[in-house]
C-alpha atoms as a PDB file:
ATOM      1  CA  UNK A   1      23.783   0.920 -15.436  1.00  0.00           C
ATOM      2  CA  UNK A   2      26.325  -0.763 -15.120  1.00  0.00           C
ATOM      3  CA  UNK A   3      27.151  -1.494 -19.225  1.00  0.00           C
ATOM      4  CA  UNK A   4      27.534   2.528 -19.179  1.00  0.00           C
ATOM      5  CA  UNK A   5      29.438   2.919 -16.373  1.00  0.00           C
ATOM      6  CA  UNK A   6      31.947   0.177 -17.871  1.00  0.00           C
ATOM      7  CA  UNK A   7      31.312   1.994 -21.408  1.00  0.00           C
ATOM      8  CA  UNK A   8      29.426  -1.216 -22.920  1.00  0.00           C
ATOM      9  CA  UNK A   9      27.656   0.789 -25.127  1.00  0.00           C
ATOM     10  CA  UNK A  10      27.486  -2.219 -27.189  1.00  0.00           C
ATOM     11  CA  UNK A  11      25.801  -4.582 -25.250  1.00  0.00           C
ATOM     12  CA  UNK A  12      22.636  -2.138 -25.398  1.00  0.00           C
ATOM     13  CA  UNK A  13      23.668  -0.192 -28.997  1.00  0.00           C
ATOM     14  CA  UNK A  14      24.431  -1.714 -32.473  1.00  0.00           C
ATOM     15  CA  UNK A  15      27.927   0.614 -33.524  1.00  0.00           C
ATOM     16  CA  UNK A  16      26.579   0.588 -37.047  1.00  0.00           C
ATOM     17  CA  UNK A  17      22.905   0.807 -37.898  1.00  0.00           C
ATOM     18  CA  UNK A  18      19.800  -0.440 -36.576  1.00  0.00           C
ATOM     19  CA  UNK A  19      15.538   0.041 -37.543  1.00  0.00           C
ATOM     20  CA  UNK A  20      15.326   0.924 -33.683  1.00  0.00           C
ATOM     21  CA  UNK A  21      16.153   4.838 -32.404  1.00  0.00           C
ATOM     22  CA  UNK A  22      18.804   5.264 -30.484  1.00  0.00           C
ATOM     23  CA  UNK A  23      20.559   2.395 -32.566  1.00  0.00           C
ATOM     24  CA  UNK A  24      19.116   0.023 -30.366  1.00  0.00           C
ATOM     25  CA  UNK A  25      19.858  -3.895 -30.347  1.00  0.00           C
ATOM     26  CA  UNK A  26      15.775  -4.503 -29.450  1.00  0.00           C
ATOM     27  CA  UNK A  27      12.754  -2.750 -28.138  1.00  0.00           C
ATOM     28  CA  UNK A  28      11.975  -1.643 -24.957  1.00  0.00           C
ATOM     29  CA  UNK A  29      11.658  -4.600 -22.175  1.00  0.00           C
ATOM     30  CA  UNK A  30      13.052  -7.268 -24.387  1.00  0.00           C
ATOM     31  CA  UNK A  31      16.609  -5.375 -24.567  1.00  0.00           C
ATOM     32  CA  UNK A  32      16.126  -5.293 -21.308  1.00  0.00           C
ATOM     33  CA  UNK A  33      15.670  -8.950 -19.993  1.00  0.00           C
ATOM     34  CA  UNK A  34      18.671  -9.924 -22.076  1.00  0.00           C
ATOM     35  CA  UNK A  35      20.228  -9.215 -18.736  1.00  0.00           C
ATOM     36  CA  UNK A  36      17.526  -9.035 -15.959  1.00  0.00           C
ATOM     37  CA  UNK A  37      16.348 -12.284 -16.795  1.00  0.00           C
ATOM     38  CA  UNK A  38      15.650 -12.980 -12.996  1.00  0.00           C
ATOM     39  CA  UNK A  39      12.882 -10.099 -13.685  1.00  0.00           C
ATOM     40  CA  UNK A  40      10.924 -12.008 -16.433  1.00  0.00           C
ATOM     41  CA  UNK A  41       9.910 -14.551 -13.881  1.00  0.00           C
ATOM     42  CA  UNK A  42       8.176 -11.912 -12.036  1.00  0.00           C
ATOM     43  CA  UNK A  43       5.266 -11.527 -15.041  1.00  0.00           C
ATOM     44  CA  UNK A  44       3.638 -15.173 -13.700  1.00  0.00           C
ATOM     45  CA  UNK A  45       2.734 -13.200 -10.602  1.00  0.00           C
ATOM     46  CA  UNK A  46      -1.199 -12.512 -10.335  1.00  0.00           C
ATOM     47  CA  UNK A  47      -1.235  -8.523 -10.383  1.00  0.00           C
ATOM     48  CA  UNK A  48       1.195  -6.808 -12.884  1.00  0.00           C
ATOM     49  CA  UNK A  49       2.410  -3.293 -13.086  1.00  0.00           C
ATOM     50  CA  UNK A  50       1.090  -1.800 -16.782  1.00  0.00           C
ATOM     51  CA  UNK A  51       4.321  -0.445 -17.466  1.00  0.00           C
ATOM     52  CA  UNK A  52       5.995  -3.893 -16.781  1.00  0.00           C
ATOM     53  CA  UNK A  53       3.626  -5.764 -18.850  1.00  0.00           C
ATOM     54  CA  UNK A  54       4.302  -3.588 -21.584  1.00  0.00           C
ATOM     55  CA  UNK A  55       8.008  -3.981 -21.345  1.00  0.00           C
ATOM     56  CA  UNK A  56       8.166   0.099 -21.253  1.00  0.00           C
ATOM     57  CA  UNK A  57      11.116  -0.119 -17.992  1.00  0.00           C
ATOM     58  CA  UNK A  58      12.124   3.232 -19.606  1.00  0.00           C
ATOM     59  CA  UNK A  59       8.733   4.666 -18.138  1.00  0.00           C
ATOM     60  CA  UNK A  60       9.989   4.385 -14.525  1.00  0.00           C
ATOM     61  CA  UNK A  61      13.921   3.750 -14.846  1.00  0.00           C
ATOM     62  CA  UNK A  62      16.837   5.970 -16.832  1.00  0.00           C
ATOM     63  CA  UNK A  63      18.880   3.554 -19.057  1.00  0.00           C
ATOM     64  CA  UNK A  64      22.328   5.229 -18.334  1.00  0.00           C
ATOM     65  CA  UNK A  65      22.699   6.683 -15.184  1.00  0.00           C
ATOM     66  CA  UNK A  66      20.334   8.207 -12.477  1.00  0.00           C
ATOM     67  CA  UNK A  67      20.635   9.988  -8.885  1.00  0.00           C
ATOM     68  CA  UNK A  68      17.912   7.935  -7.794  1.00  0.00           C
ATOM     69  CA  UNK A  69      17.925   3.947  -6.519  1.00  0.00           C
ATOM     70  CA  UNK A  70      17.282   1.333  -9.312  1.00  0.00           C
ATOM     71  CA  UNK A  71      17.978   4.157 -12.218  1.00  0.00           C
ATOM     72  CA  UNK A  72      14.483   5.617 -11.000  1.00  0.00           C
ATOM     73  CA  UNK A  73      13.406   8.606 -13.566  1.00  0.00           C
ATOM     74  CA  UNK A  74      12.556  10.598 -10.510  1.00  0.00           C
ATOM     75  CA  UNK A  75      12.174  10.156  -6.655  1.00  0.00           C
ATOM     76  CA  UNK A  76       9.315   8.121  -5.167  1.00  0.00           C
ATOM     77  CA  UNK A  77       6.491   9.364  -5.195  1.00  0.00           C
ATOM     78  CA  UNK A  78       7.049  11.931  -7.852  1.00  0.00           C
ATOM     79  CA  UNK A  79       8.111   8.665 -10.437  1.00  0.00           C
ATOM     80  CA  UNK A  80       4.509   7.433  -8.988  1.00  0.00           C
ATOM     81  CA  UNK A  81       2.695  10.495  -9.578  1.00  0.00           C
ATOM     82  CA  UNK A  82       3.490  10.236 -13.689  1.00  0.00           C
ATOM     83  CA  UNK A  83       0.704   8.107 -13.695  1.00  0.00           C
ATOM     84  CA  UNK A  84      -0.892   7.820 -10.848  1.00  0.00           C
ATOM     85  CA  UNK A  85      -1.765  11.972 -10.353  1.00  0.00           C
ATOM     86  CA  UNK A  86      -5.320  10.994  -9.613  1.00  0.00           C
ATOM     87  CA  UNK A  87      -4.614   9.148  -6.614  1.00  0.00           C
ATOM     88  CA  UNK A  88      -2.721  12.097  -5.057  1.00  0.00           C
ATOM     89  CA  UNK A  89      -5.429  13.585  -3.426  1.00  0.00           C
ATOM     90  CA  UNK A  90      -5.852  10.485  -0.835  1.00  0.00           C
ATOM     91  CA  UNK A  91      -2.159  11.137   0.522  1.00  0.00           C
ATOM     92  CA  UNK A  92      -2.977  15.269   0.744  1.00  0.00           C
ATOM     93  CA  UNK A  93      -5.167  14.870   3.906  1.00  0.00           C
ATOM     94  CA  UNK A  94      -4.154  15.947   7.662  1.00  0.00           C
ATOM     95  CA  UNK A  95      -3.150  12.882   8.827  1.00  0.00           C
ATOM     96  CA  UNK A  96      -1.067  11.062   7.042  1.00  0.00           C
ATOM     97  CA  UNK A  97       0.785   7.507   7.004  1.00  0.00           C
ATOM     98  CA  UNK A  98       4.594   7.846   7.935  1.00  0.00           C
ATOM     99  CA  UNK A  99       5.345   4.958   5.692  1.00  0.00           C
ATOM    100  CA  UNK A 100       4.307   7.275   2.404  1.00  0.00           C
ATOM    101  CA  UNK A 101       7.538   9.333   3.340  1.00  0.00           C
ATOM    102  CA  UNK A 102       9.424   6.708   2.914  1.00  0.00           C
ATOM    103  CA  UNK A 103       8.332   5.597  -0.434  1.00  0.00           C
ATOM    104  CA  UNK A 104       5.778   3.757  -2.550  1.00  0.00           C
ATOM    105  CA  UNK A 105       8.015   0.861  -2.904  1.00  0.00           C
ATOM    106  CA  UNK A 106       7.298   0.232   0.964  1.00  0.00           C
ATOM    107  CA  UNK A 107       3.641  -1.066   0.945  1.00  0.00           C
ATOM    108  CA  UNK A 108       3.784  -1.702  -3.342  1.00  0.00           C
ATOM    109  CA  UNK A 109       5.841  -3.959  -5.426  1.00  0.00           C
ATOM    110  CA  UNK A 110       6.852  -1.809  -8.580  1.00  0.00           C
ATOM    111  CA  UNK A 111       6.629  -5.123 -11.026  1.00  0.00           C
ATOM    112  CA  UNK A 112       4.213  -7.274  -9.873  1.00  0.00           C
ATOM    113  CA  UNK A 113       2.878  -9.113  -7.069  1.00  0.00           C
ATOM    114  CA  UNK A 114       0.214 -11.868  -6.071  1.00  0.00           C
ATOM    115  CA  UNK A 115      -1.455  -9.321  -3.669  1.00  0.00           C
ATOM    116  CA  UNK A 116      -4.519  -6.863  -5.109  1.00  0.00           C
ATOM    117  CA  UNK A 117      -2.768  -3.472  -5.750  1.00  0.00           C
ATOM    118  CA  UNK A 118       0.481  -4.965  -6.036  1.00  0.00           C
ATOM    119  CA  UNK A 119       1.397  -4.740  -2.227  1.00  0.00           C
ATOM    120  CA  UNK A 120       4.058  -6.520  -1.129  1.00  0.00           C
ATOM    121  CA  UNK A 121       2.292  -8.751   1.673  1.00  0.00           C
ATOM    122  CA  UNK A 122      -1.209  -9.258   1.772  1.00  0.00           C
ATOM    123  CA  UNK A 123      -3.591  -7.885   4.435  1.00  0.00           C
ATOM    124  CA  UNK A 124      -2.688  -7.253   8.081  1.00  0.00           C
ATOM    125  CA  UNK A 125       0.895  -8.829   7.149  1.00  0.00           C
ATOM    126  CA  UNK A 126       1.611  -5.989   5.450  1.00  0.00           C
ATOM    127  CA  UNK A 127       0.941  -3.794   8.541  1.00  0.00           C
ATOM    128  CA  UNK A 128       2.626  -5.997  10.828  1.00  0.00           C
ATOM    129  CA  UNK A 129       6.044  -5.486   8.773  1.00  0.00           C
ATOM    130  CA  UNK A 130       5.800  -2.280  10.955  1.00  0.00           C
ATOM    131  CA  UNK A 131       3.539  -2.096  13.918  1.00  0.00           C
ATOM    132  CA  UNK A 132       4.627  -5.655  15.150  1.00  0.00           C
ATOM    133  CA  UNK A 133       3.747  -4.378  18.743  1.00  0.00           C
ATOM    134  CA  UNK A 134       0.331  -4.231  17.549  1.00  0.00           C
ATOM    135  CA  UNK A 135       0.117  -7.755  16.601  1.00  0.00           C
ATOM    136  CA  UNK A 136       1.154  -8.653  20.191  1.00  0.00           C
ATOM    137  CA  UNK A 137      -1.425  -6.558  21.866  1.00  0.00           C
ATOM    138  CA  UNK A 138      -4.686  -8.226  19.487  1.00  0.00           C
ATOM    139  CA  UNK A 139      -3.720 -11.539  20.875  1.00  0.00           C
ATOM    140  CA  UNK A 140      -6.323 -11.221  23.245  1.00  0.00           C
ATOM    141  CA  UNK A 141      -9.966 -13.799  23.859  1.00  0.00           C
ATOM    142  CA  UNK A 142     -12.218 -11.075  22.717  1.00  0.00           C
ATOM    143  CA  UNK A 143     -10.993 -10.043  18.811  1.00  0.00           C
ATOM    144  CA  UNK A 144     -12.636  -7.836  16.478  1.00  0.00           C
ATOM    145  CA  UNK A 145     -13.325  -9.553  13.488  1.00  0.00           C
ATOM    146  CA  UNK A 146     -11.724  -7.036  10.906  1.00  0.00           C
ATOM    147  CA  UNK A 147      -8.719  -7.490  13.250  1.00  0.00           C
ATOM    148  CA  UNK A 148      -9.203 -11.252  13.077  1.00  0.00           C
ATOM    149  CA  UNK A 149      -9.353 -11.305   9.208  1.00  0.00           C
ATOM    150  CA  UNK A 150      -6.767  -8.966   8.726  1.00  0.00           C
ATOM    151  CA  UNK A 151      -8.520  -6.393   7.446  1.00  0.00           C
ATOM    152  CA  UNK A 152      -7.069  -3.224   8.487  1.00  0.00           C
ATOM    153  CA  UNK A 153      -8.321  -0.899   5.867  1.00  0.00           C
ATOM    154  CA  UNK A 154     -11.663  -1.398   6.806  1.00  0.00           C
ATOM    155  CA  UNK A 155     -11.503   1.322   9.232  1.00  0.00           C
ATOM    156  CA  UNK A 156      -7.742   2.870   8.764  1.00  0.00           C
ATOM    157  CA  UNK A 157      -7.269   4.109   5.369  1.00  0.00           C
ATOM    158  CA  UNK A 158      -3.425   3.139   4.219  1.00  0.00           C
ATOM    159  CA  UNK A 159      -2.926   6.400   2.975  1.00  0.00           C
ATOM    160  CA  UNK A 160      -4.252   9.346   4.924  1.00  0.00           C
ATOM    161  CA  UNK A 161      -7.078  10.141   6.433  1.00  0.00           C
ATOM    162  CA  UNK A 162      -9.225  13.433   7.845  1.00  0.00           C
ATOM    163  CA  UNK A 163      -9.374  11.599  11.287  1.00  0.00           C
ATOM    164  CA  UNK A 164      -6.806  10.691  13.658  1.00  0.00           C
ATOM    165  CA  UNK A 165      -5.345   7.505  13.722  1.00  0.00           C
ATOM    166  CA  UNK A 166      -6.715   7.819   9.659  1.00  0.00           C
ATOM    167  CA  UNK A 167     -10.090   6.308  10.363  1.00  0.00           C
ATOM    168  CA  UNK A 168     -12.272   6.486   7.231  1.00  0.00           C
ATOM    169  CA  UNK A 169     -14.840   7.959   9.614  1.00  0.00           C
ATOM    170  CA  UNK A 170     -15.245   9.492  13.159  1.00  0.00           C
ATOM    171  CA  UNK A 171     -16.662   7.711  16.052  1.00  0.00           C
ATOM    172  CA  UNK A 172     -19.813   5.890  15.673  1.00  0.00           C
ATOM    173  CA  UNK A 173     -20.146   6.477  12.429  1.00  0.00           C
ATOM    174  CA  UNK A 174     -17.575   4.583  11.677  1.00  0.00           C
ATOM    175  CA  UNK A 175     -18.615   1.679  14.081  1.00  0.00           C
ATOM    176  CA  UNK A 176     -22.057   2.026  12.221  1.00  0.00           C
ATOM    177  CA  UNK A 177     -20.656   0.759   8.934  1.00  0.00           C
ATOM    178  CA  UNK A 178     -20.998  -2.685   9.986  1.00  0.00           C
ATOM    179  CA  UNK A 179     -22.637  -2.347  13.129  1.00  0.00           C
ATOM    180  CA  UNK A 180     -25.949  -0.940  11.175  1.00  0.00           C
ATOM    181  CA  UNK A 181     -28.385  -2.970  13.402  1.00  0.00           C
ATOM    182  CA  UNK A 182     -27.223  -1.404  16.688  1.00  0.00           C
ATOM    183  CA  UNK A 183     -27.687   2.131  15.501  1.00  0.00           C
ATOM    184  CA  UNK A 184     -30.971   1.753  14.933  1.00  0.00           C
ATOM    185  CA  UNK A 185     -31.612   0.064  18.231  1.00  0.00           C
ATOM    186  CA  UNK A 186     -29.948   2.956  19.916  1.00  0.00           C
ATOM    187  CA  UNK A 187     -31.783   6.044  17.847  1.00  0.00           C
ATOM    188  CA  UNK A 188     -34.882   4.257  18.968  1.00  0.00           C
ATOM    189  CA  UNK A 189     -34.258   3.671  22.353  1.00  0.00           C
ATOM    190  CA  UNK A 190     -33.072   6.565  25.406  1.00  0.00           C
ATOM    191  CA  UNK A 191     -29.360   5.628  24.785  1.00  0.00           C
ATOM    192  CA  UNK A 192     -26.153   5.562  27.492  1.00  0.00           C
ATOM    193  CA  UNK A 193     -24.542   9.062  27.679  1.00  0.00           C
ATOM    194  CA  UNK A 194     -21.096   7.856  25.254  1.00  0.00           C
ATOM    195  CA  UNK A 195     -23.493   6.016  22.716  1.00  0.00           C
ATOM    196  CA  UNK A 196     -25.217   9.383  22.504  1.00  0.00           C
ATOM    197  CA  UNK A 197     -22.112  10.913  21.769  1.00  0.00           C
ATOM    198  CA  UNK A 198     -20.849   8.007  19.449  1.00  0.00           C
ATOM    199  CA  UNK A 199     -18.056   7.889  22.067  1.00  0.00           C
ATOM    200  CA  UNK A 200     -17.623   3.706  21.298  1.00  0.00           C
ATOM    201  CA  UNK A 201     -14.167   3.305  22.429  1.00  0.00           C
ATOM    202  CA  UNK A 202     -14.902   5.099  25.809  1.00  0.00           C
ATOM    203  CA  UNK A 203     -15.891   1.685  26.995  1.00  0.00           C
ATOM    204  CA  UNK A 204     -15.224  -1.192  23.748  1.00  0.00           C
ATOM    205  CA  UNK A 205     -11.592  -1.494  22.529  1.00  0.00           C
ATOM    206  CA  UNK A 206     -11.658  -1.158  18.924  1.00  0.00           C
ATOM    207  CA  UNK A 207      -8.758  -4.057  17.981  1.00  0.00           C
ATOM    208  CA  UNK A 208      -9.073  -6.524  20.803  1.00  0.00           C
ATOM    209  CA  UNK A 209      -9.488  -7.358  24.826  1.00  0.00           C
ATOM    210  CA  UNK A 210      -9.703 -10.266  27.242  1.00  0.00           C
ATOM    211  CA  UNK A 211     -13.227  -9.119  28.163  1.00  0.00           C
ATOM    212  CA  UNK A 212     -16.355  -9.882  26.512  1.00  0.00           C
ATOM    213  CA  UNK A 213     -17.976  -7.110  23.499  1.00  0.00           C
ATOM    214  CA  UNK A 214     -14.283  -6.102  23.625  1.00  0.00           C
ATOM    215  CA  UNK A 215     -15.208  -4.023  26.691  1.00  0.00           C
ATOM    216  CA  UNK A 216     -12.092  -2.092  28.114  1.00  0.00           C
ATOM    217  CA  UNK A 217     -12.972  -3.277  31.576  1.00  0.00           C
ATOM    218  CA  UNK A 218     -14.724  -6.442  33.072  1.00  0.00           C
ATOM    219  CA  UNK A 219     -17.889  -5.991  34.666  1.00  0.00           C
ATOM    220  CA  UNK A 220     -21.368  -5.924  34.485  1.00  0.00           C
END
């Protein structure tokens, strides 16, 4: 921390007496915001991290020095697990999102955001910061509605998944989450072999295609 590095202890601490612990000149975030005024502007955003709102800066930051970026009290994700231990299991499935290894802050703003879950960008815009190559591939004549609407997490778990590509369910079970009428029709009639096997993507591209019904190949 700059005051600690420069020996400016009195920027934060009284030299003789104080009503606060450690002879501090102010309580929690109030003291921090005397210097970090730009951070105070973040409180106007729609979604705020609860320690940030409470002014509990030391929940995540060390006041003097740290081996971690931004004076973090621990490395990510251990820092986040201090409070979000209940979410840890959702990261331990066989197929993990590579972004998780880069740290929670890659996708989530630590203080506040105008997006749910304090995401740094909304919907697919966040995904495209890494998956920009996919954005071009999806510019086809027929686009799957979740892709068109930027709802990647309708099909993919953002942290980790039991199935390949981190899909929420496997095969047709995933498709039937939305296409319930087709499921009923296919079960009542004589099904095409790929349909019977639940292999929708044998014929359909799950994201986009230049062919109607997102067929992989043109034809009857």
